[in-house]
Each structure stands twice: as structure tokens, then as C-alpha cells.
Amino acid sequence: MVLVPPVQPDPTEVIEAWIPHDARWHSRAREQAGRGSEHLRVYVTELVRDHRDGTSPVSDDFDLRTLKAVVEDLGAGGLGDVDWRRVARALSHPGIR
């Protein structure tokens, strides 16, 4: 029997799966995606790294645990390996890759 380690999603897949479906940040992320992938990158980076939703600090324990789980799922490449254009398309045009 050969044991195969579970396949880890790449960082883009992590963000594509998380942000469009998380009601806490979905609307703001869609708004930023509509402005362009760089705006989305800045918004999500500030959210995940700085625990800030725009000008509001994220301090709720559940929200902070969610953000920590996202960081863990991103792996070594972190947010720097995310294809922000692809994530922006996923938010702007659900179902289209």
C-alpha cells in the first residue's frame, strides 16, 4: 500500500475558496475586485496580515481564528503566491475561471 499525502491547495485556490464564501468580508472584497486586482490584493492582505477590515480593526476571536486558519492554509508562499487577477475574476464573475 502506498500512502500519498493529501493534496494541498495552492494559495490562489485558498483565497478563491475562502473570500467569496465568507459573508463577513465578501461584499467588501467584491467591491475591491471591481476596482481591480491590486485593490483586492491590498484589501485581503490588510485583512489577513494586519487584521484590519478597511479602517476597522478585526478583534473578534472567531474572526481572528478564521484569519489564522487562512494563513496556515496558504502555506509557505503566503499571499505573495496568490494570482490576484484570478481571484478578482472569481469574485466579479462567479463560475468563470
N, C-alpha and C. Protein backbone atom coordinates (compact mmCIF):
# COMPACT_ATOMS: atom_id res chain seq x y z
N MET A 1 0.84 -1.16 0.00
CA MET A 1 0.00 0.00 0.00
C MET A 1 0.90 1.24 0.00
N VAL A 2 0.55 2.19 -0.87
CA VAL A 2 1.30 3.44 -0.96
C VAL A 2 0.48 4.54 -0.32
N LEU A 3 1.10 5.21 0.62
CA LEU A 3 0.43 6.33 1.26
C LEU A 3 0.80 7.61 0.52
N VAL A 4 -0.20 8.34 0.12
CA VAL A 4 0.01 9.59 -0.60
C VAL A 4 -0.46 10.73 0.31
N PRO A 5 0.40 11.72 0.50
CA PRO A 5 -0.03 12.84 1.36
C PRO A 5 -1.19 13.58 0.70
N PRO A 6 -2.03 14.18 1.51
CA PRO A 6 -3.16 14.93 0.93
C PRO A 6 -2.65 16.08 0.07
N VAL A 7 -3.38 16.36 -0.97
CA VAL A 7 -3.01 17.45 -1.87
C VAL A 7 -3.40 18.77 -1.20
N GLN A 8 -2.44 19.65 -1.13
CA GLN A 8 -2.69 20.97 -0.54
C GLN A 8 -3.09 21.93 -1.66
N PRO A 9 -4.12 22.72 -1.45
CA PRO A 9 -4.47 23.71 -2.48
C PRO A 9 -3.39 24.78 -2.58
N ASP A 10 -3.24 25.35 -3.77
CA ASP A 10 -2.27 26.43 -3.89
C ASP A 10 -2.88 27.70 -3.28
N PRO A 11 -2.06 28.72 -3.01
CA PRO A 11 -2.57 29.92 -2.34
C PRO A 11 -3.74 30.59 -3.07
N THR A 12 -3.73 30.58 -4.39
CA THR A 12 -4.84 31.17 -5.13
C THR A 12 -6.12 30.41 -4.85
N GLU A 13 -6.05 29.10 -4.83
CA GLU A 13 -7.24 28.29 -4.55
C GLU A 13 -7.76 28.54 -3.13
N VAL A 14 -6.84 28.75 -2.19
CA VAL A 14 -7.25 29.02 -0.81
C VAL A 14 -8.09 30.29 -0.76
N ILE A 15 -7.59 31.36 -1.38
CA ILE A 15 -8.31 32.64 -1.35
C ILE A 15 -9.58 32.56 -2.17
N GLU A 16 -9.53 31.89 -3.32
CA GLU A 16 -10.74 31.72 -4.15
C GLU A 16 -11.84 30.97 -3.41
N ALA A 17 -11.46 30.01 -2.60
CA ALA A 17 -12.45 29.22 -1.87
C ALA A 17 -12.95 29.95 -0.64
N TRP A 18 -12.13 30.79 -0.06
CA TRP A 18 -12.49 31.43 1.21
C TRP A 18 -13.28 32.72 1.03
N ILE A 19 -12.68 33.72 0.42
CA ILE A 19 -13.24 35.06 0.45
C ILE A 19 -14.60 35.17 -0.25
N PRO A 20 -14.84 34.51 -1.36
CA PRO A 20 -16.16 34.66 -1.99
C PRO A 20 -17.29 34.07 -1.14
N HIS A 21 -16.96 33.19 -0.22
CA HIS A 21 -18.00 32.50 0.55
C HIS A 21 -18.07 32.92 2.01
N ASP A 22 -17.25 33.87 2.40
CA ASP A 22 -17.25 34.32 3.79
C ASP A 22 -18.05 35.62 3.88
N ALA A 23 -19.25 35.52 4.43
CA ALA A 23 -20.18 36.65 4.45
C ALA A 23 -19.61 37.87 5.17
N ARG A 24 -18.68 37.66 6.09
CA ARG A 24 -18.13 38.80 6.84
C ARG A 24 -17.37 39.76 5.94
N TRP A 25 -16.70 39.24 4.91
CA TRP A 25 -15.84 40.08 4.09
C TRP A 25 -16.16 40.01 2.60
N HIS A 26 -17.16 39.26 2.25
CA HIS A 26 -17.48 39.04 0.84
C HIS A 26 -17.82 40.34 0.10
N SER A 27 -18.72 41.13 0.64
CA SER A 27 -19.17 42.34 -0.07
C SER A 27 -18.02 43.32 -0.30
N ARG A 28 -17.25 43.53 0.73
CA ARG A 28 -16.11 44.46 0.59
C ARG A 28 -15.08 43.92 -0.40
N ALA A 29 -14.84 42.62 -0.37
CA ALA A 29 -13.88 42.02 -1.31
C ALA A 29 -14.39 42.15 -2.75
N ARG A 30 -15.68 41.93 -2.96
CA ARG A 30 -16.25 42.09 -4.31
C ARG A 30 -16.11 43.53 -4.78
N GLU A 31 -16.35 44.46 -3.88
CA GLU A 31 -16.21 45.88 -4.22
C GLU A 31 -14.77 46.18 -4.66
N GLN A 32 -13.80 45.67 -3.92
CA GLN A 32 -12.40 45.90 -4.25
C GLN A 32 -12.02 45.19 -5.55
N ALA A 33 -12.55 43.99 -5.76
CA ALA A 33 -12.27 43.26 -7.01
C ALA A 33 -12.79 44.05 -8.20
N GLY A 34 -13.93 44.71 -8.03
CA GLY A 34 -14.48 45.53 -9.10
C GLY A 34 -13.60 46.71 -9.45
N ARG A 35 -12.78 47.14 -8.51
CA ARG A 35 -11.85 48.25 -8.73
C ARG A 35 -10.54 47.76 -9.35
N GLY A 36 -10.31 46.45 -9.31
CA GLY A 36 -9.10 45.87 -9.89
C GLY A 36 -8.40 44.93 -8.94
N SER A 37 -7.58 44.07 -9.50
CA SER A 37 -6.92 43.03 -8.71
C SER A 37 -5.96 43.61 -7.67
N GLU A 38 -5.35 44.76 -7.95
CA GLU A 38 -4.43 45.36 -6.97
C GLU A 38 -5.19 45.84 -5.74
N HIS A 39 -6.35 46.41 -5.94
CA HIS A 39 -7.18 46.85 -4.81
C HIS A 39 -7.60 45.64 -3.97
N LEU A 40 -7.95 44.56 -4.65
CA LEU A 40 -8.32 43.34 -3.93
C LEU A 40 -7.13 42.81 -3.14
N ARG A 41 -5.95 42.78 -3.75
CA ARG A 41 -4.74 42.30 -3.07
C ARG A 41 -4.49 43.10 -1.80
N VAL A 42 -4.57 44.42 -1.90
CA VAL A 42 -4.32 45.27 -0.74
C VAL A 42 -5.36 44.99 0.35
N TYR A 43 -6.63 44.90 -0.03
CA TYR A 43 -7.69 44.66 0.95
C TYR A 43 -7.48 43.34 1.69
N VAL A 44 -7.27 42.25 0.94
CA VAL A 44 -7.12 40.94 1.57
C VAL A 44 -5.83 40.86 2.37
N THR A 45 -4.76 41.47 1.89
CA THR A 45 -3.51 41.48 2.63
C THR A 45 -3.68 42.20 3.96
N GLU A 46 -4.33 43.35 3.95
CA GLU A 46 -4.55 44.08 5.20
C GLU A 46 -5.45 43.26 6.13
N LEU A 47 -6.43 42.59 5.57
CA LEU A 47 -7.33 41.77 6.38
C LEU A 47 -6.58 40.61 7.03
N VAL A 48 -5.84 39.87 6.23
CA VAL A 48 -5.17 38.66 6.72
C VAL A 48 -3.93 38.99 7.56
N ARG A 49 -3.12 39.88 7.08
CA ARG A 49 -1.85 40.17 7.76
C ARG A 49 -2.00 41.15 8.91
N ASP A 50 -2.77 42.23 8.67
CA ASP A 50 -2.86 43.31 9.64
C ASP A 50 -4.11 43.26 10.50
N HIS A 51 -5.00 42.30 10.21
CA HIS A 51 -6.27 42.16 10.94
C HIS A 51 -7.04 43.48 10.92
N ARG A 52 -7.19 44.00 9.71
CA ARG A 52 -7.90 45.26 9.53
C ARG A 52 -8.84 45.13 8.33
N ASP A 53 -10.11 45.48 8.56
CA ASP A 53 -11.12 45.48 7.50
C ASP A 53 -11.37 46.93 7.12
N GLY A 54 -10.61 47.40 6.14
CA GLY A 54 -10.64 48.83 5.83
C GLY A 54 -10.01 49.59 6.97
N THR A 55 -10.79 50.45 7.61
CA THR A 55 -10.26 51.21 8.74
C THR A 55 -10.62 50.58 10.08
N SER A 56 -11.40 49.50 10.05
CA SER A 56 -11.85 48.85 11.29
C SER A 56 -10.94 47.69 11.66
N PRO A 57 -10.43 47.66 12.89
CA PRO A 57 -9.63 46.52 13.32
C PRO A 57 -10.50 45.27 13.47
N VAL A 58 -9.94 44.13 13.14
CA VAL A 58 -10.62 42.85 13.36
C VAL A 58 -10.13 42.34 14.70
N SER A 59 -11.05 42.23 15.66
CA SER A 59 -10.64 41.82 17.00
C SER A 59 -11.46 40.67 17.57
N ASP A 60 -12.52 40.28 16.89
CA ASP A 60 -13.35 39.17 17.34
C ASP A 60 -12.54 37.88 17.29
N ASP A 61 -12.59 37.09 18.36
CA ASP A 61 -11.79 35.85 18.43
C ASP A 61 -12.09 34.90 17.28
N PHE A 62 -13.37 34.74 16.93
CA PHE A 62 -13.74 33.83 15.84
C PHE A 62 -13.14 34.33 14.52
N ASP A 63 -13.24 35.63 14.26
CA ASP A 63 -12.67 36.20 13.04
C ASP A 63 -11.16 36.02 13.00
N LEU A 64 -10.50 36.25 14.12
CA LEU A 64 -9.05 36.09 14.17
C LEU A 64 -8.64 34.64 13.96
N ARG A 65 -9.41 33.70 14.50
CA ARG A 65 -9.11 32.28 14.26
C ARG A 65 -9.29 31.93 12.79
N THR A 66 -10.31 32.51 12.15
CA THR A 66 -10.52 32.28 10.72
C THR A 66 -9.32 32.79 9.93
N LEU A 67 -8.87 33.99 10.24
CA LEU A 67 -7.73 34.56 9.52
C LEU A 67 -6.46 33.74 9.76
N LYS A 68 -6.28 33.24 10.97
CA LYS A 68 -5.12 32.39 11.26
C LYS A 68 -5.19 31.10 10.43
N ALA A 69 -6.38 30.53 10.30
CA ALA A 69 -6.54 29.30 9.52
C ALA A 69 -6.23 29.57 8.04
N VAL A 70 -6.62 30.73 7.55
CA VAL A 70 -6.32 31.08 6.16
C VAL A 70 -4.81 31.14 5.97
N VAL A 71 -4.11 31.79 6.89
CA VAL A 71 -2.65 31.89 6.79
C VAL A 71 -2.03 30.50 6.78
N GLU A 72 -2.50 29.62 7.65
CA GLU A 72 -1.97 28.25 7.69
C GLU A 72 -2.24 27.52 6.37
N ASP A 73 -3.42 27.72 5.81
CA ASP A 73 -3.76 27.06 4.54
C ASP A 73 -2.96 27.59 3.37
N LEU A 74 -2.51 28.84 3.46
CA LEU A 74 -1.73 29.43 2.37
C LEU A 74 -0.37 28.76 2.21
N GLY A 75 0.17 28.24 3.28
CA GLY A 75 1.47 27.58 3.21
C GLY A 75 2.61 28.57 3.14
N ALA A 76 3.76 28.09 2.74
CA ALA A 76 5.00 28.87 2.77
C ALA A 76 4.96 30.08 1.84
N GLY A 77 4.29 29.96 0.71
CA GLY A 77 4.25 31.07 -0.25
C GLY A 77 3.43 32.25 0.21
N GLY A 78 2.47 31.97 1.07
CA GLY A 78 1.63 33.03 1.60
C GLY A 78 0.86 33.80 0.54
N LEU A 79 0.49 34.99 0.87
CA LEU A 79 -0.29 35.83 -0.03
C LEU A 79 0.50 36.26 -1.26
N GLY A 80 1.81 36.20 -1.18
CA GLY A 80 2.64 36.58 -2.32
C GLY A 80 2.50 35.65 -3.51
N ASP A 81 2.02 34.44 -3.29
CA ASP A 81 1.87 33.48 -4.39
C ASP A 81 0.44 33.42 -4.94
N VAL A 82 -0.42 34.35 -4.52
CA VAL A 82 -1.80 34.36 -4.99
C VAL A 82 -1.87 35.07 -6.35
N ASP A 83 -2.62 34.49 -7.27
CA ASP A 83 -2.90 35.13 -8.56
C ASP A 83 -4.13 36.00 -8.34
N TRP A 84 -3.90 37.27 -8.04
CA TRP A 84 -4.97 38.18 -7.67
C TRP A 84 -5.92 38.46 -8.82
N ARG A 85 -5.42 38.40 -10.05
CA ARG A 85 -6.33 38.59 -11.21
C ARG A 85 -7.36 37.47 -11.25
N ARG A 86 -6.92 36.26 -10.99
CA ARG A 86 -7.83 35.12 -10.99
C ARG A 86 -8.85 35.22 -9.87
N VAL A 87 -8.41 35.64 -8.68
CA VAL A 87 -9.34 35.79 -7.56
C VAL A 87 -10.33 36.91 -7.86
N ALA A 88 -9.87 38.01 -8.44
CA ALA A 88 -10.76 39.12 -8.79
C ALA A 88 -11.81 38.66 -9.81
N ARG A 89 -11.40 37.85 -10.78
CA ARG A 89 -12.37 37.31 -11.76
C ARG A 89 -13.38 36.43 -11.06
N ALA A 90 -12.92 35.60 -10.12
CA ALA A 90 -13.84 34.70 -9.39
C ALA A 90 -14.87 35.50 -8.61
N LEU A 91 -14.46 36.63 -8.05
CA LEU A 91 -15.39 37.47 -7.30
C LEU A 91 -16.32 38.26 -8.21
N SER A 92 -15.79 38.72 -9.33
CA SER A 92 -16.56 39.55 -10.24
C SER A 92 -17.48 38.74 -11.14
N HIS A 93 -17.04 37.54 -11.48
CA HIS A 93 -17.78 36.68 -12.40
C HIS A 93 -17.81 35.26 -11.86
N PRO A 94 -18.61 35.00 -10.82
CA PRO A 94 -18.66 33.65 -10.24
C PRO A 94 -18.93 32.59 -11.30
N GLY A 95 -18.21 31.49 -11.19
CA GLY A 95 -18.39 30.39 -12.13
C GLY A 95 -17.48 30.45 -13.34
N ILE A 96 -16.80 31.56 -13.55
CA ILE A 96 -15.89 31.71 -14.69
C ILE A 96 -14.47 31.71 -14.16
N ARG A 97 -13.62 30.93 -14.78
CA ARG A 97 -12.21 30.89 -14.36
C ARG A 97 -11.33 31.53 -15.38
